[in-house]
Amino acid sequence: MRQEFESTIPADDPVRAEAQLGGWVTSFSDQILDIFAAVFDFVAIDTQHSSISETQAATLLDRLRHYEKPIVVRVAKNDRARIGRMLDCGADTIIVPLVESADQAREAVRSCFYPPYGERSYGAIRGDLRGKSPGELSAGVRCFVQIETELGMRNAEEIISTPGLSGVYVGPTDLSISHGLDPAKAFDSPQLQGHFAELRTLCDRYDVILGSHTLDEHSARLFTSWGADFVLAAHDSGLIWSAARRAQAALRGTGSVDAGPVY
């Protein structure tokens, strides 16, 4: 049984003890995947903003089954076939992007679960998943939807109150853009903090989890202080980009540079 989103962070860590830290994978690299799985509380494979195909995602998912940690996939869209395929390949947590209404949230949940709770089609692909009952396969599944637009915020309570929903994953960059804000400057803004406060209140009311994407270490700490239960701590291409900039600055003698975003 894979671990739930439970804390492994020391109580005295500056990041809140209950906040989980994840590694975000956008490249088809089993080496990066293994490093992230060894270090972080969970690993997320992104098939929306990445070059990872569904076939490649299935290969990465197979490798992750050896780690007792949540296995997360962000699908490219709210599509029943895409969601079912990733679950059939071994994902236990699905993040559905750009959810703006209760109907879209219900569709995401229906796609994740078998009848009578949903409409997922039965057909496990991996050998270790074959032969299990629909109830067994559904037991560890979690469905998260992304609220990342002004319309999504307006409909936040209808979305979050959806039966069967595990939680909300905030997309702060798109959320900032949809409000006409510069995302490079908006992460510290009272407006974004207000959205987090509203979402935290609603998640507590309906007993669901609040997670968030982040831009850098500062925003990871900020969003956990605002109430996020889990956040992105590292992004594979973001880490490489930051390291490359630092190396360039050091070798060219141009001095230190800001680490830059992890996303």
C-alpha atoms as a PDB file:
ATOM      1  CA  MET A   1       0.000   0.000   0.000  1.00  0.00           C
ATOM      2  CA  ARG A   2       1.443   3.359  -0.970  1.00  0.00           C
ATOM      3  CA  GLN A   3       1.704   6.010   1.698  1.00  0.00           C
ATOM      4  CA  GLU A   4      -0.933   8.692   1.877  1.00  0.00           C
ATOM      5  CA  PHE A   5      -0.022  12.373   1.966  1.00  0.00           C
ATOM      6  CA  GLU A   6       1.217  12.137   5.555  1.00  0.00           C
ATOM      7  CA  SER A   7       4.026  14.167   7.014  1.00  0.00           C
ATOM      8  CA  THR A   8       7.636  13.012   7.055  1.00  0.00           C
ATOM      9  CA  ILE A   9       8.990  16.510   7.740  1.00  0.00           C
ATOM     10  CA  PRO A  10      10.466  17.150  11.227  1.00  0.00           C
ATOM     11  CA  ALA A  11       8.201  19.176  13.483  1.00  0.00           C
ATOM     12  CA  ASP A  12      10.841  21.878  13.917  1.00  0.00           C
ATOM     13  CA  ASP A  13      11.410  22.354  10.187  1.00  0.00           C
ATOM     14  CA  PRO A  14      10.702  25.913   8.949  1.00  0.00           C
ATOM     15  CA  VAL A  15       8.264  24.392   6.466  1.00  0.00           C
ATOM     16  CA  ARG A  16       5.107  23.460   8.369  1.00  0.00           C
ATOM     17  CA  ALA A  17       5.303  19.936   9.763  1.00  0.00           C
ATOM     18  CA  GLU A  18       2.166  18.840   7.957  1.00  0.00           C
ATOM     19  CA  ALA A  19       3.246  20.128   4.547  1.00  0.00           C
ATOM     20  CA  GLN A  20       4.412  17.551   2.026  1.00  0.00           C
ATOM     21  CA  LEU A  21       7.137  18.358  -0.511  1.00  0.00           C
ATOM     22  CA  GLY A  22       7.024  16.980  -4.040  1.00  0.00           C
ATOM     23  CA  GLY A  23       9.330  16.589  -7.004  1.00  0.00           C
ATOM     24  CA  TRP A  24       7.835  17.567 -10.378  1.00  0.00           C
ATOM     25  CA  VAL A  25       8.963  15.559 -13.406  1.00  0.00           C
ATOM     26  CA  THR A  26       8.666  16.920 -16.951  1.00  0.00           C
ATOM     27  CA  SER A  27      11.446  14.951 -18.646  1.00  0.00           C
ATOM     28  CA  PHE A  28      11.590  11.277 -19.569  1.00  0.00           C
ATOM     29  CA  SER A  29      14.473  10.403 -17.244  1.00  0.00           C
ATOM     30  CA  ASP A  30      14.446   7.451 -14.881  1.00  0.00           C
ATOM     31  CA  GLN A  31      17.546   8.852 -13.162  1.00  0.00           C
ATOM     32  CA  ILE A  32      15.809  12.108 -12.228  1.00  0.00           C
ATOM     33  CA  LEU A  33      12.739  10.126 -11.216  1.00  0.00           C
ATOM     34  CA  ASP A  34      14.774   7.927  -8.855  1.00  0.00           C
ATOM     35  CA  ILE A  35      16.483  10.925  -7.245  1.00  0.00           C
ATOM     36  CA  PHE A  36      13.191  12.715  -6.660  1.00  0.00           C
ATOM     37  CA  ALA A  37      11.551   9.548  -5.306  1.00  0.00           C
ATOM     38  CA  ALA A  38      14.434   9.024  -2.887  1.00  0.00           C
ATOM     39  CA  VAL A  39      14.370  12.626  -1.623  1.00  0.00           C
ATOM     40  CA  PHE A  40      10.810  13.939  -1.658  1.00  0.00           C
ATOM     41  CA  ASP A  41       7.527  12.904  -0.066  1.00  0.00           C
ATOM     42  CA  PHE A  42       5.885  12.323  -3.436  1.00  0.00           C
ATOM     43  CA  VAL A  43       6.706  12.456  -7.145  1.00  0.00           C
ATOM     44  CA  ALA A  44       4.440  13.992  -9.780  1.00  0.00           C
ATOM     45  CA  ILE A  45       4.682  13.271 -13.502  1.00  0.00           C
ATOM     46  CA  ASP A  46       3.420  16.129 -15.658  1.00  0.00           C
ATOM     47  CA  THR A  47       1.816  15.259 -18.989  1.00  0.00           C
ATOM     48  CA  GLN A  48       0.288  18.722 -19.488  1.00  0.00           C
ATOM     49  CA  HIS A  49       3.262  21.098 -19.653  1.00  0.00           C
ATOM     50  CA  SER A  50       5.965  18.647 -20.718  1.00  0.00           C
ATOM     51  CA  SER A  51       7.137  16.507 -23.607  1.00  0.00           C
ATOM     52  CA  ILE A  52       6.313  13.265 -21.756  1.00  0.00           C
ATOM     53  CA  SER A  53       3.982  11.068 -23.782  1.00  0.00           C
ATOM     54  CA  GLU A  54       1.463   8.738 -22.171  1.00  0.00           C
ATOM     55  CA  THR A  55       3.623   5.760 -23.164  1.00  0.00           C
ATOM     56  CA  GLN A  56       6.646   7.340 -21.491  1.00  0.00           C
ATOM     57  CA  ALA A  57       4.560   8.195 -18.426  1.00  0.00           C
ATOM     58  CA  ALA A  58       3.564   4.528 -18.164  1.00  0.00           C
ATOM     59  CA  THR A  59       7.248   3.550 -18.145  1.00  0.00           C
ATOM     60  CA  LEU A  60       8.002   6.054 -15.377  1.00  0.00           C
ATOM     61  CA  LEU A  61       4.986   4.885 -13.386  1.00  0.00           C
ATOM     62  CA  ASP A  62       6.229   1.314 -13.545  1.00  0.00           C
ATOM     63  CA  ARG A  63       9.538   2.396 -12.044  1.00  0.00           C
ATOM     64  CA  LEU A  64       7.831   4.321  -9.254  1.00  0.00           C
ATOM     65  CA  ARG A  65       5.899   1.321  -7.955  1.00  0.00           C
ATOM     66  CA  HIS A  66       8.985   0.271  -5.978  1.00  0.00           C
ATOM     67  CA  TYR A  67       8.699   3.367  -3.771  1.00  0.00           C
ATOM     68  CA  GLU A  68       6.170   3.511  -0.950  1.00  0.00           C
ATOM     69  CA  LYS A  69       5.053   7.024  -1.810  1.00  0.00           C
ATOM     70  CA  PRO A  70       2.073   8.636  -3.552  1.00  0.00           C
ATOM     71  CA  ILE A  71       2.386   8.463  -7.331  1.00  0.00           C
ATOM     72  CA  VAL A  72       0.898  11.539  -8.961  1.00  0.00           C
ATOM     73  CA  VAL A  73       0.131  12.298 -12.607  1.00  0.00           C
ATOM     74  CA  ARG A  74      -1.134  15.600 -13.925  1.00  0.00           C
ATOM     75  CA  VAL A  75      -3.112  14.728 -17.023  1.00  0.00           C
ATOM     76  CA  ALA A  76      -3.207  17.027 -20.038  1.00  0.00           C
ATOM     77  CA  LYS A  77      -6.948  17.648 -19.828  1.00  0.00           C
ATOM     78  CA  ASN A  78     -10.152  16.567 -18.127  1.00  0.00           C
ATOM     79  CA  ASP A  79     -10.573  13.514 -20.316  1.00  0.00           C
ATOM     80  CA  ARG A  80     -11.929  10.165 -19.116  1.00  0.00           C
ATOM     81  CA  ALA A  81      -9.744   8.067 -21.398  1.00  0.00           C
ATOM     82  CA  ARG A  82      -6.531   9.895 -20.441  1.00  0.00           C
ATOM     83  CA  ILE A  83      -7.319   9.700 -16.731  1.00  0.00           C
ATOM     84  CA  GLY A  84      -8.262   6.031 -16.877  1.00  0.00           C
ATOM     85  CA  ARG A  85      -5.143   5.144 -18.826  1.00  0.00           C
ATOM     86  CA  MET A  86      -2.830   6.700 -16.234  1.00  0.00           C
ATOM     87  CA  LEU A  87      -4.668   4.931 -13.407  1.00  0.00           C
ATOM     88  CA  ASP A  88      -4.500   1.645 -15.328  1.00  0.00           C
ATOM     89  CA  CYS A  89      -0.734   2.150 -15.590  1.00  0.00           C
ATOM     90  CA  GLY A  90      -0.293   2.583 -11.848  1.00  0.00           C
ATOM     91  CA  ALA A  91      -0.934   6.203 -10.868  1.00  0.00           C
ATOM     92  CA  ASP A  92      -2.809   6.527  -7.593  1.00  0.00           C
ATOM     93  CA  THR A  93      -3.305  10.297  -7.625  1.00  0.00           C
ATOM     94  CA  ILE A  94      -4.624  12.316 -10.554  1.00  0.00           C
ATOM     95  CA  ILE A  95      -4.430  16.101 -10.923  1.00  0.00           C
ATOM     96  CA  VAL A  96      -6.892  17.493 -13.470  1.00  0.00           C
ATOM     97  CA  PRO A  97      -6.027  20.984 -14.791  1.00  0.00           C
ATOM     98  CA  LEU A  98      -8.223  23.993 -15.513  1.00  0.00           C
ATOM     99  CA  VAL A  99     -11.353  22.975 -13.626  1.00  0.00           C
ATOM    100  CA  GLU A 100     -13.777  25.902 -13.494  1.00  0.00           C
ATOM    101  CA  SER A 101     -17.154  24.434 -12.555  1.00  0.00           C
ATOM    102  CA  ALA A 102     -18.889  21.820 -10.447  1.00  0.00           C
ATOM    103  CA  ASP A 103     -19.785  19.877 -13.603  1.00  0.00           C
ATOM    104  CA  GLN A 104     -16.121  19.675 -14.593  1.00  0.00           C
ATOM    105  CA  ALA A 105     -15.160  18.584 -11.075  1.00  0.00           C
ATOM    106  CA  ARG A 106     -17.819  15.861 -11.096  1.00  0.00           C
ATOM    107  CA  GLU A 107     -16.556  14.646 -14.462  1.00  0.00           C
ATOM    108  CA  ALA A 108     -13.017  14.399 -13.076  1.00  0.00           C
ATOM    109  CA  VAL A 109     -14.207  12.352 -10.096  1.00  0.00           C
ATOM    110  CA  ARG A 110     -16.358  10.087 -12.268  1.00  0.00           C
ATOM    111  CA  SER A 111     -13.334   9.402 -14.462  1.00  0.00           C
ATOM    112  CA  CYS A 112     -11.248   8.274 -11.481  1.00  0.00           C
ATOM    113  CA  PHE A 113     -13.618   5.770  -9.884  1.00  0.00           C
ATOM    114  CA  TYR A 114     -15.540   2.670 -10.911  1.00  0.00           C
ATOM    115  CA  PRO A 115     -19.324   2.366 -10.527  1.00  0.00           C
ATOM    116  CA  PRO A 116     -21.287   3.046  -8.409  1.00  0.00           C
ATOM    117  CA  TYR A 117     -19.100   6.047  -7.478  1.00  0.00           C
ATOM    118  CA  GLY A 118     -17.901   6.863 -10.990  1.00  0.00           C
ATOM    119  CA  GLU A 119     -17.776   5.717 -14.587  1.00  0.00           C
ATOM    120  CA  ARG A 120     -14.182   4.549 -14.996  1.00  0.00           C
ATOM    121  CA  SER A 121     -13.756   1.688 -17.446  1.00  0.00           C
ATOM    122  CA  TYR A 122     -12.165  -1.488 -16.060  1.00  0.00           C
ATOM    123  CA  GLY A 123      -8.916  -2.613 -17.684  1.00  0.00           C
ATOM    124  CA  ALA A 124      -5.730  -2.623 -15.616  1.00  0.00           C
ATOM    125  CA  ILE A 125      -2.579  -2.761 -17.752  1.00  0.00           C
ATOM    126  CA  ARG A 126       0.196  -3.651 -15.322  1.00  0.00           C
ATOM    127  CA  GLY A 127       0.531  -7.244 -14.217  1.00  0.00           C
ATOM    128  CA  ASP A 128       0.459  -6.445 -10.498  1.00  0.00           C
ATOM    129  CA  LEU A 129      -2.868  -4.640 -10.949  1.00  0.00           C
ATOM    130  CA  ARG A 130      -4.605  -7.368 -12.944  1.00  0.00           C
ATOM    131  CA  GLY A 131      -7.162  -9.538 -11.205  1.00  0.00           C
ATOM    132  CA  LYS A 132      -7.989  -6.981  -8.532  1.00  0.00           C
ATOM    133  CA  SER A 133     -11.594  -6.006  -7.956  1.00  0.00           C
ATOM    134  CA  PRO A 134     -12.846  -2.526  -8.851  1.00  0.00           C
ATOM    135  CA  GLY A 135     -13.129  -1.813  -5.136  1.00  0.00           C
ATOM    136  CA  GLU A 136      -9.504  -2.775  -4.515  1.00  0.00           C
ATOM    137  CA  LEU A 137      -8.279  -0.656  -7.414  1.00  0.00           C
ATOM    138  CA  SER A 138     -10.329   2.343  -6.289  1.00  0.00           C
ATOM    139  CA  ALA A 139      -9.281   2.150  -2.643  1.00  0.00           C
ATOM    140  CA  GLY A 140      -6.057   4.112  -3.003  1.00  0.00           C
ATOM    141  CA  VAL A 141      -7.119   6.520  -5.744  1.00  0.00           C
ATOM    142  CA  ARG A 142      -7.167  10.271  -5.115  1.00  0.00           C
ATOM    143  CA  CYS A 143      -8.624  12.903  -7.433  1.00  0.00           C
ATOM    144  CA  PHE A 144      -7.402  16.506  -7.311  1.00  0.00           C
ATOM    145  CA  VAL A 145      -8.617  19.340  -9.505  1.00  0.00           C
ATOM    146  CA  GLN A 146      -6.723  22.518 -10.299  1.00  0.00           C
ATOM    147  CA  ILE A 147      -8.304  25.859  -9.537  1.00  0.00           C
ATOM    148  CA  GLU A 148      -6.253  28.303 -11.569  1.00  0.00           C
ATOM    149  CA  THR A 149      -8.583  30.875 -13.115  1.00  0.00           C
ATOM    150  CA  GLU A 150     -10.815  33.718 -11.985  1.00  0.00           C
ATOM    151  CA  LEU A 151     -13.874  31.663 -12.966  1.00  0.00           C
ATOM    152  CA  GLY A 152     -12.588  28.707 -10.986  1.00  0.00           C
ATOM    153  CA  MET A 153     -12.259  30.914  -7.910  1.00  0.00           C
ATOM    154  CA  ARG A 154     -15.801  32.230  -8.361  1.00  0.00           C
ATOM    155  CA  ASN A 155     -17.056  28.643  -8.410  1.00  0.00           C
ATOM    156  CA  ALA A 156     -14.631  27.387  -5.752  1.00  0.00           C
ATOM    157  CA  GLU A 157     -17.211  26.228  -3.214  1.00  0.00           C
ATOM    158  CA  GLU A 158     -19.241  24.336  -5.816  1.00  0.00           C
ATOM    159  CA  ILE A 159     -16.045  22.664  -7.030  1.00  0.00           C
ATOM    160  CA  ILE A 160     -14.611  21.805  -3.609  1.00  0.00           C
ATOM    161  CA  SER A 161     -17.914  20.395  -2.318  1.00  0.00           C
ATOM    162  CA  THR A 162     -17.954  17.771  -5.093  1.00  0.00           C
ATOM    163  CA  PRO A 163     -18.507  14.307  -3.547  1.00  0.00           C
ATOM    164  CA  GLY A 164     -15.480  12.053  -3.951  1.00  0.00           C
ATOM    165  CA  LEU A 165     -13.021  14.882  -4.537  1.00  0.00           C
ATOM    166  CA  SER A 166      -9.765  14.438  -2.610  1.00  0.00           C
ATOM    167  CA  GLY A 167      -8.564  17.993  -2.880  1.00  0.00           C
ATOM    168  CA  VAL A 168      -7.604  21.098  -4.797  1.00  0.00           C
ATOM    169  CA  TYR A 169      -4.273  21.917  -6.416  1.00  0.00           C
ATOM    170  CA  VAL A 170      -3.741  25.642  -6.912  1.00  0.00           C
ATOM    171  CA  GLY A 171      -2.187  26.857 -10.153  1.00  0.00           C
ATOM    172  CA  PRO A 172      -0.891  30.219  -8.887  1.00  0.00           C
ATOM    173  CA  THR A 173       0.715  31.328 -12.147  1.00  0.00           C
ATOM    174  CA  ASP A 174      -2.408  30.965 -14.276  1.00  0.00           C
ATOM    175  CA  LEU A 175      -4.516  32.248 -11.393  1.00  0.00           C
ATOM    176  CA  SER A 176      -2.409  35.411 -11.267  1.00  0.00           C
ATOM    177  CA  ILE A 177      -2.540  35.871 -15.045  1.00  0.00           C
ATOM    178  CA  SER A 178      -6.328  35.438 -15.108  1.00  0.00           C
ATOM    179  CA  HIS A 179      -6.600  38.338 -12.648  1.00  0.00           C
ATOM    180  CA  GLY A 180      -4.367  40.553 -14.788  1.00  0.00           C
ATOM    181  CA  LEU A 181      -1.379  40.232 -12.452  1.00  0.00           C
ATOM    182  CA  ASP A 182       2.273  39.671 -13.301  1.00  0.00           C
ATOM    183  CA  PRO A 183       2.961  36.163 -11.908  1.00  0.00           C
ATOM    184  CA  ALA A 184       6.603  37.069 -11.291  1.00  0.00           C
ATOM    185  CA  LYS A 185       5.421  39.687  -8.790  1.00  0.00           C
ATOM    186  CA  ALA A 186       1.996  38.444  -7.719  1.00  0.00           C
ATOM    187  CA  PHE A 187       3.022  35.558  -5.482  1.00  0.00           C
ATOM    188  CA  ASP A 188       3.512  37.866  -2.486  1.00  0.00           C
ATOM    189  CA  SER A 189       0.373  39.857  -3.238  1.00  0.00           C
ATOM    190  CA  PRO A 190      -2.517  40.285  -0.793  1.00  0.00           C
ATOM    191  CA  GLN A 191      -4.853  39.246  -3.622  1.00  0.00           C
ATOM    192  CA  LEU A 192      -3.254  35.817  -4.009  1.00  0.00           C
ATOM    193  CA  GLN A 193      -3.050  35.407  -0.243  1.00  0.00           C
ATOM    194  CA  GLY A 194      -6.764  36.143  -0.093  1.00  0.00           C
ATOM    195  CA  HIS A 195      -7.470  33.375  -2.597  1.00  0.00           C
ATOM    196  CA  PHE A 196      -5.441  30.934  -0.507  1.00  0.00           C
ATOM    197  CA  ALA A 197      -7.338  31.945   2.622  1.00  0.00           C
ATOM    198  CA  GLU A 198     -10.655  31.349   0.872  1.00  0.00           C
ATOM    199  CA  LEU A 199      -9.549  27.971  -0.474  1.00  0.00           C
ATOM    200  CA  ARG A 200      -8.140  26.923   2.911  1.00  0.00           C
ATOM    201  CA  THR A 201     -11.456  27.740   4.573  1.00  0.00           C
ATOM    202  CA  LEU A 202     -13.416  25.792   1.957  1.00  0.00           C
ATOM    203  CA  CYS A 203     -11.070  22.799   2.103  1.00  0.00           C
ATOM    204  CA  ASP A 204     -11.476  22.668   5.880  1.00  0.00           C
ATOM    205  CA  ARG A 205     -15.245  22.955   5.544  1.00  0.00           C
ATOM    206  CA  TYR A 206     -15.479  20.048   3.114  1.00  0.00           C
ATOM    207  CA  ASP A 207     -12.579  18.036   4.561  1.00  0.00           C
ATOM    208  CA  VAL A 208     -10.366  17.977   1.475  1.00  0.00           C
ATOM    209  CA  ILE A 209      -6.660  18.610   0.914  1.00  0.00           C
ATOM    210  CA  LEU A 210      -5.140  21.862  -0.378  1.00  0.00           C
ATOM    211  CA  GLY A 211      -1.997  21.680  -2.506  1.00  0.00           C
ATOM    212  CA  SER A 212      -0.205  24.190  -4.677  1.00  0.00           C
ATOM    213  CA  HIS A 213       2.272  24.546  -7.462  1.00  0.00           C
ATOM    214  CA  THR A 214       5.152  26.906  -6.653  1.00  0.00           C
ATOM    215  CA  LEU A 215       7.637  29.111  -8.467  1.00  0.00           C
ATOM    216  CA  ASP A 216      10.627  28.828  -6.147  1.00  0.00           C
ATOM    217  CA  GLU A 217      11.672  28.025  -2.576  1.00  0.00           C
ATOM    218  CA  HIS A 218      10.269  31.326  -1.337  1.00  0.00           C
ATOM    219  CA  SER A 219       6.810  30.632  -2.741  1.00  0.00           C
ATOM    220  CA  ALA A 220       6.927  27.055  -1.403  1.00  0.00           C
ATOM    221  CA  ARG A 221       7.483  28.373   2.117  1.00  0.00           C
ATOM    222  CA  LEU A 222       4.979  31.176   1.600  1.00  0.00           C
ATOM    223  CA  PHE A 223       2.199  28.903   0.364  1.00  0.00           C
ATOM    224  CA  THR A 224       2.683  26.427   3.205  1.00  0.00           C
ATOM    225  CA  SER A 225       2.472  29.334   5.643  1.00  0.00           C
ATOM    226  CA  TRP A 226      -0.804  30.245   3.923  1.00  0.00           C
ATOM    227  CA  GLY A 227      -2.162  26.765   4.584  1.00  0.00           C
ATOM    228  CA  ALA A 228      -1.120  24.472   1.727  1.00  0.00           C
ATOM    229  CA  ASP A 229      -0.929  20.817   2.794  1.00  0.00           C
ATOM    230  CA  PHE A 230       1.531  19.964   0.037  1.00  0.00           C
ATOM    231  CA  VAL A 231       3.619  21.947  -2.434  1.00  0.00           C
ATOM    232  CA  LEU A 232       6.026  21.480  -5.300  1.00  0.00           C
ATOM    233  CA  ALA A 233       9.582  21.702  -3.945  1.00  0.00           C
ATOM    234  CA  ALA A 234      11.579  21.047  -7.104  1.00  0.00           C
ATOM    235  CA  HIS A 235      11.045  20.937 -10.860  1.00  0.00           C
ATOM    236  CA  ASP A 236      13.534  18.923 -12.902  1.00  0.00           C
ATOM    237  CA  SER A 237      14.121  21.361 -15.750  1.00  0.00           C
ATOM    238  CA  GLY A 238      13.921  24.300 -13.342  1.00  0.00           C
ATOM    239  CA  LEU A 239      16.738  22.868 -11.234  1.00  0.00           C
ATOM    240  CA  ILE A 240      18.913  22.300 -14.297  1.00  0.00           C
ATOM    241  CA  TRP A 241      18.170  25.805 -15.602  1.00  0.00           C
ATOM    242  CA  SER A 242      19.086  27.380 -12.266  1.00  0.00           C
ATOM    243  CA  ALA A 243      22.299  25.349 -11.981  1.00  0.00           C
ATOM    244  CA  ALA A 244      23.282  26.278 -15.542  1.00  0.00           C
ATOM    245  CA  ARG A 245      22.800  29.988 -14.833  1.00  0.00           C
ATOM    246  CA  ARG A 246      24.878  29.748 -11.680  1.00  0.00           C
ATOM    247  CA  ALA A 247      27.678  27.926 -13.493  1.00  0.00           C
ATOM    248  CA  GLN A 248      27.645  30.462 -16.317  1.00  0.00           C
ATOM    249  CA  ALA A 249      27.836  33.367 -13.864  1.00  0.00           C
ATOM    250  CA  ALA A 250      30.619  31.748 -11.841  1.00  0.00           C
ATOM    251  CA  LEU A 251      32.807  30.863 -14.825  1.00  0.00           C
ATOM    252  CA  ARG A 252      32.249  34.159 -16.635  1.00  0.00           C
ATOM    253  CA  GLY A 253      33.057  36.052 -13.471  1.00  0.00           C
ATOM    254  CA  THR A 254      29.795  37.939 -13.528  1.00  0.00           C
ATOM    255  CA  GLY A 255      29.076  37.221  -9.879  1.00  0.00           C
ATOM    256  CA  SER A 256      26.245  35.357  -8.247  1.00  0.00           C
ATOM    257  CA  VAL A 257      22.819  35.105  -9.798  1.00  0.00           C
ATOM    258  CA  ASP A 258      19.410  34.538  -8.365  1.00  0.00           C
ATOM    259  CA  ALA A 259      18.599  30.839  -8.340  1.00  0.00           C
ATOM    260  CA  GLY A 260      15.544  31.460 -10.455  1.00  0.00           C
ATOM    261  CA  PRO A 261      12.271  29.572 -10.472  1.00  0.00           C
ATOM    262  CA  VAL A 262      11.925  25.847  -9.865  1.00  0.00           C
ATOM    263  CA  TYR A 263       9.070  25.752 -12.375  1.00  0.00           C
END
